[in-house]
Amino acid sequence: MINYDPLWETMKKRHVSQYDLYTHYGIKRSLLHRLRKNMNVEIYTLDRFCSILDCNIEDIVQYVPDDKAGKKLKDAAEDDDKASPDKNK
């Protein structure tokens, strides 16, 4: 899951408020709502935030593994291990 918690910390460090974003930079309030709810946004939006805040992508976004997705990947890897022949024999 993509999480935007670092964005709010970076904004605080850079002294940029949500009011500044929609007043001075044309960021829509609905977009801020989407970010607060960790909803999907376009890469262009993330690029704009990096430019506005003069920061790197990891300063506004973090990846948090989803338990279900992580389990599916682990199960798939185990299935692959069972299906592939042992190379040491």
N, C-alpha and C. Protein backbone atom coordinates (compact mmCIF):
# COMPACT_ATOMS: atom_id res chain seq x y z
N MET A 1 0.84 -1.17 0.00
CA MET A 1 0.00 0.00 0.00
C MET A 1 0.89 1.24 0.00
N ILE A 2 0.50 2.21 -0.76
CA ILE A 2 1.22 3.49 -0.79
C ILE A 2 0.63 4.39 0.28
N ASN A 3 1.51 5.03 1.02
CA ASN A 3 1.11 5.87 2.14
C ASN A 3 1.74 7.24 1.96
N TYR A 4 0.98 8.29 2.21
CA TYR A 4 1.48 9.65 2.02
C TYR A 4 1.81 10.36 3.33
N ASP A 5 1.97 9.62 4.41
CA ASP A 5 2.31 10.24 5.69
C ASP A 5 3.58 11.11 5.63
N PRO A 6 4.62 10.68 4.90
CA PRO A 6 5.82 11.53 4.83
C PRO A 6 5.55 12.92 4.21
N LEU A 7 4.54 13.01 3.35
CA LEU A 7 4.21 14.30 2.73
C LEU A 7 3.91 15.34 3.79
N TRP A 8 3.08 14.98 4.75
CA TRP A 8 2.65 15.95 5.76
C TRP A 8 3.82 16.39 6.64
N GLU A 9 4.73 15.47 6.92
CA GLU A 9 5.92 15.83 7.70
C GLU A 9 6.84 16.75 6.89
N THR A 10 7.00 16.44 5.62
CA THR A 10 7.85 17.27 4.75
C THR A 10 7.25 18.67 4.60
N MET A 11 5.94 18.74 4.45
CA MET A 11 5.29 20.05 4.36
C MET A 11 5.54 20.86 5.64
N LYS A 12 5.44 20.20 6.77
CA LYS A 12 5.66 20.87 8.05
C LYS A 12 7.11 21.39 8.14
N LYS A 13 8.07 20.54 7.76
CA LYS A 13 9.48 20.94 7.79
C LYS A 13 9.77 22.12 6.86
N ARG A 14 9.06 22.15 5.71
CA ARG A 14 9.29 23.19 4.71
C ARG A 14 8.39 24.41 4.93
N HIS A 15 7.58 24.35 5.97
CA HIS A 15 6.66 25.45 6.31
C HIS A 15 5.71 25.77 5.16
N VAL A 16 5.17 24.71 4.56
CA VAL A 16 4.18 24.85 3.49
C VAL A 16 2.89 24.24 4.01
N SER A 17 1.84 25.06 4.06
CA SER A 17 0.55 24.59 4.57
C SER A 17 -0.35 24.12 3.42
N GLN A 18 -1.42 23.44 3.78
CA GLN A 18 -2.40 23.05 2.78
C GLN A 18 -3.00 24.29 2.14
N TYR A 19 -3.19 25.33 2.93
CA TYR A 19 -3.70 26.60 2.41
C TYR A 19 -2.76 27.15 1.33
N ASP A 20 -1.46 27.10 1.59
CA ASP A 20 -0.46 27.54 0.59
C ASP A 20 -0.60 26.74 -0.70
N LEU A 21 -0.81 25.43 -0.57
CA LEU A 21 -0.88 24.58 -1.75
C LEU A 21 -2.04 24.94 -2.65
N TYR A 22 -3.22 25.15 -2.08
CA TYR A 22 -4.35 25.46 -2.96
C TYR A 22 -4.46 26.94 -3.30
N THR A 23 -3.84 27.81 -2.51
CA THR A 23 -3.90 29.24 -2.82
C THR A 23 -2.79 29.66 -3.79
N HIS A 24 -1.57 29.24 -3.51
CA HIS A 24 -0.42 29.71 -4.28
C HIS A 24 0.03 28.75 -5.40
N TYR A 25 -0.30 27.46 -5.27
CA TYR A 25 0.20 26.49 -6.24
C TYR A 25 -0.90 25.82 -7.06
N GLY A 26 -2.14 26.16 -6.82
CA GLY A 26 -3.24 25.62 -7.62
C GLY A 26 -3.57 24.16 -7.35
N ILE A 27 -3.17 23.63 -6.21
CA ILE A 27 -3.50 22.26 -5.84
C ILE A 27 -4.95 22.25 -5.35
N LYS A 28 -5.75 21.38 -5.91
CA LYS A 28 -7.17 21.33 -5.55
C LYS A 28 -7.36 20.67 -4.19
N ARG A 29 -8.36 21.14 -3.47
CA ARG A 29 -8.65 20.57 -2.15
C ARG A 29 -9.03 19.10 -2.26
N SER A 30 -9.68 18.74 -3.34
CA SER A 30 -10.06 17.33 -3.52
C SER A 30 -8.82 16.43 -3.65
N LEU A 31 -7.74 16.97 -4.23
CA LEU A 31 -6.50 16.21 -4.32
C LEU A 31 -5.89 16.03 -2.93
N LEU A 32 -5.93 17.07 -2.12
CA LEU A 32 -5.42 16.96 -0.75
C LEU A 32 -6.23 15.91 0.03
N HIS A 33 -7.52 15.88 -0.22
CA HIS A 33 -8.37 14.87 0.41
C HIS A 33 -7.92 13.47 0.00
N ARG A 34 -7.66 13.28 -1.29
CA ARG A 34 -7.21 11.98 -1.79
C ARG A 34 -5.90 11.57 -1.12
N LEU A 35 -5.00 12.52 -0.93
CA LEU A 35 -3.73 12.22 -0.28
C LEU A 35 -3.92 11.89 1.20
N ARG A 36 -4.81 12.62 1.87
CA ARG A 36 -5.08 12.33 3.29
C ARG A 36 -5.64 10.93 3.46
N LYS A 37 -6.41 10.46 2.49
CA LYS A 37 -7.03 9.14 2.55
C LYS A 37 -6.18 8.04 1.90
N ASN A 38 -4.95 8.39 1.50
CA ASN A 38 -4.03 7.45 0.85
C ASN A 38 -4.65 6.80 -0.39
N MET A 39 -5.35 7.60 -1.16
CA MET A 39 -5.98 7.12 -2.38
C MET A 39 -5.00 7.30 -3.55
N ASN A 40 -5.34 6.73 -4.70
CA ASN A 40 -4.48 6.82 -5.88
C ASN A 40 -4.38 8.26 -6.38
N VAL A 41 -3.18 8.64 -6.77
CA VAL A 41 -2.93 9.92 -7.44
C VAL A 41 -1.99 9.65 -8.60
N GLU A 42 -1.94 10.58 -9.53
CA GLU A 42 -1.09 10.42 -10.70
C GLU A 42 0.37 10.73 -10.38
N ILE A 43 1.25 10.14 -11.16
CA ILE A 43 2.69 10.40 -11.01
C ILE A 43 2.97 11.89 -11.21
N TYR A 44 2.27 12.51 -12.13
CA TYR A 44 2.42 13.96 -12.37
C TYR A 44 2.20 14.74 -11.07
N THR A 45 1.21 14.33 -10.28
CA THR A 45 0.92 14.99 -9.01
C THR A 45 2.10 14.86 -8.06
N LEU A 46 2.66 13.67 -7.98
CA LEU A 46 3.81 13.46 -7.10
C LEU A 46 5.00 14.30 -7.55
N ASP A 47 5.17 14.39 -8.86
CA ASP A 47 6.23 15.23 -9.43
C ASP A 47 6.03 16.70 -9.03
N ARG A 48 4.79 17.16 -9.12
CA ARG A 48 4.50 18.55 -8.73
C ARG A 48 4.84 18.80 -7.26
N PHE A 49 4.47 17.86 -6.40
CA PHE A 49 4.76 18.02 -4.98
C PHE A 49 6.27 18.03 -4.73
N CYS A 50 7.00 17.18 -5.42
CA CYS A 50 8.46 17.18 -5.29
C CYS A 50 9.03 18.54 -5.71
N SER A 51 8.50 19.11 -6.77
CA SER A 51 8.96 20.42 -7.24
C SER A 51 8.60 21.52 -6.25
N ILE A 52 7.37 21.51 -5.78
CA ILE A 52 6.90 22.54 -4.84
C ILE A 52 7.71 22.49 -3.55
N LEU A 53 7.92 21.28 -3.04
CA LEU A 53 8.59 21.12 -1.74
C LEU A 53 10.10 20.97 -1.85
N ASP A 54 10.61 20.94 -3.09
CA ASP A 54 12.04 20.77 -3.33
C ASP A 54 12.57 19.56 -2.56
N CYS A 55 11.98 18.40 -2.88
CA CYS A 55 12.33 17.18 -2.16
C CYS A 55 12.34 15.99 -3.11
N ASN A 56 12.71 14.84 -2.59
CA ASN A 56 12.70 13.58 -3.34
C ASN A 56 11.38 12.85 -3.11
N ILE A 57 11.09 11.90 -3.96
CA ILE A 57 9.84 11.15 -3.88
C ILE A 57 9.68 10.46 -2.52
N GLU A 58 10.76 9.95 -1.97
CA GLU A 58 10.66 9.26 -0.67
C GLU A 58 10.34 10.21 0.48
N ASP A 59 10.43 11.52 0.23
CA ASP A 59 10.04 12.51 1.24
C ASP A 59 8.54 12.74 1.27
N ILE A 60 7.81 12.18 0.30
CA ILE A 60 6.36 12.37 0.27
C ILE A 60 5.57 11.07 0.20
N VAL A 61 6.25 9.97 -0.15
CA VAL A 61 5.56 8.69 -0.32
C VAL A 61 6.35 7.60 0.36
N GLN A 62 5.64 6.64 0.94
CA GLN A 62 6.30 5.44 1.44
C GLN A 62 5.46 4.22 1.09
N TYR A 63 6.15 3.12 0.91
CA TYR A 63 5.48 1.85 0.61
C TYR A 63 5.37 1.06 1.90
N VAL A 64 4.15 0.63 2.20
CA VAL A 64 3.90 -0.21 3.37
C VAL A 64 3.32 -1.51 2.85
N PRO A 65 4.02 -2.63 3.04
CA PRO A 65 3.51 -3.90 2.51
C PRO A 65 2.13 -4.23 3.07
N ASP A 66 1.27 -4.67 2.20
CA ASP A 66 -0.06 -5.10 2.57
C ASP A 66 0.03 -6.56 2.96
N ASP A 67 -0.51 -6.96 4.09
CA ASP A 67 -0.41 -8.34 4.56
C ASP A 67 -0.92 -9.34 3.54
N LYS A 68 -2.05 -9.04 2.91
CA LYS A 68 -2.61 -9.97 1.93
C LYS A 68 -1.71 -10.09 0.71
N ALA A 69 -1.22 -8.97 0.22
CA ALA A 69 -0.35 -9.00 -0.95
C ALA A 69 0.95 -9.72 -0.61
N GLY A 70 1.49 -9.45 0.56
CA GLY A 70 2.72 -10.11 0.99
C GLY A 70 2.54 -11.62 1.11
N LYS A 71 1.41 -12.05 1.63
CA LYS A 71 1.13 -13.48 1.76
C LYS A 71 1.00 -14.12 0.38
N LYS A 72 0.32 -13.45 -0.55
CA LYS A 72 0.17 -14.00 -1.90
C LYS A 72 1.53 -14.18 -2.57
N LEU A 73 2.41 -13.20 -2.41
CA LEU A 73 3.75 -13.29 -3.01
C LEU A 73 4.54 -14.44 -2.38
N LYS A 74 4.43 -14.56 -1.06
CA LYS A 74 5.14 -15.63 -0.36
C LYS A 74 4.62 -17.00 -0.80
N ASP A 75 3.29 -17.13 -0.88
CA ASP A 75 2.69 -18.39 -1.32
C ASP A 75 3.11 -18.73 -2.75
N ALA A 76 3.13 -17.74 -3.63
CA ALA A 76 3.53 -17.96 -5.02
C ALA A 76 4.99 -18.41 -5.09
N ALA A 77 5.85 -17.81 -4.28
CA ALA A 77 7.26 -18.19 -4.26
C ALA A 77 7.43 -19.62 -3.77
N GLU A 78 6.65 -20.00 -2.75
CA GLU A 78 6.72 -21.37 -2.25
C GLU A 78 6.24 -22.37 -3.30
N ASP A 79 5.17 -21.99 -4.03
CA ASP A 79 4.68 -22.86 -5.10
C ASP A 79 5.74 -23.03 -6.19
N ASP A 80 6.45 -21.96 -6.52
CA ASP A 80 7.52 -22.03 -7.51
C ASP A 80 8.63 -22.96 -7.04
N ASP A 81 8.98 -22.87 -5.76
CA ASP A 81 10.02 -23.73 -5.21
C ASP A 81 9.62 -25.20 -5.29
N LYS A 82 8.35 -25.49 -5.03
CA LYS A 82 7.87 -26.88 -5.08
C LYS A 82 7.85 -27.39 -6.52
N ALA A 83 7.52 -26.53 -7.46
CA ALA A 83 7.39 -26.94 -8.86
C ALA A 83 8.74 -27.10 -9.55
N SER A 84 9.75 -26.37 -9.14
CA SER A 84 11.04 -26.45 -9.82
C SER A 84 11.85 -27.63 -9.30
N PRO A 85 12.51 -28.35 -10.20
CA PRO A 85 13.32 -29.51 -9.78
C PRO A 85 14.56 -29.05 -9.00
N ASP A 86 15.00 -29.90 -8.11
CA ASP A 86 16.20 -29.60 -7.32
C ASP A 86 17.42 -29.64 -8.23
N LYS A 87 18.14 -28.56 -8.29
CA LYS A 87 19.29 -28.44 -9.21
C LYS A 87 20.52 -29.16 -8.68
N ASN A 88 20.51 -29.48 -7.38
CA ASN A 88 21.70 -30.11 -6.78
C ASN A 88 21.74 -31.62 -7.01
N LYS A 89 20.69 -32.21 -7.57
CA LYS A 89 20.68 -33.66 -7.76
C LYS A 89 21.29 -34.05 -9.06
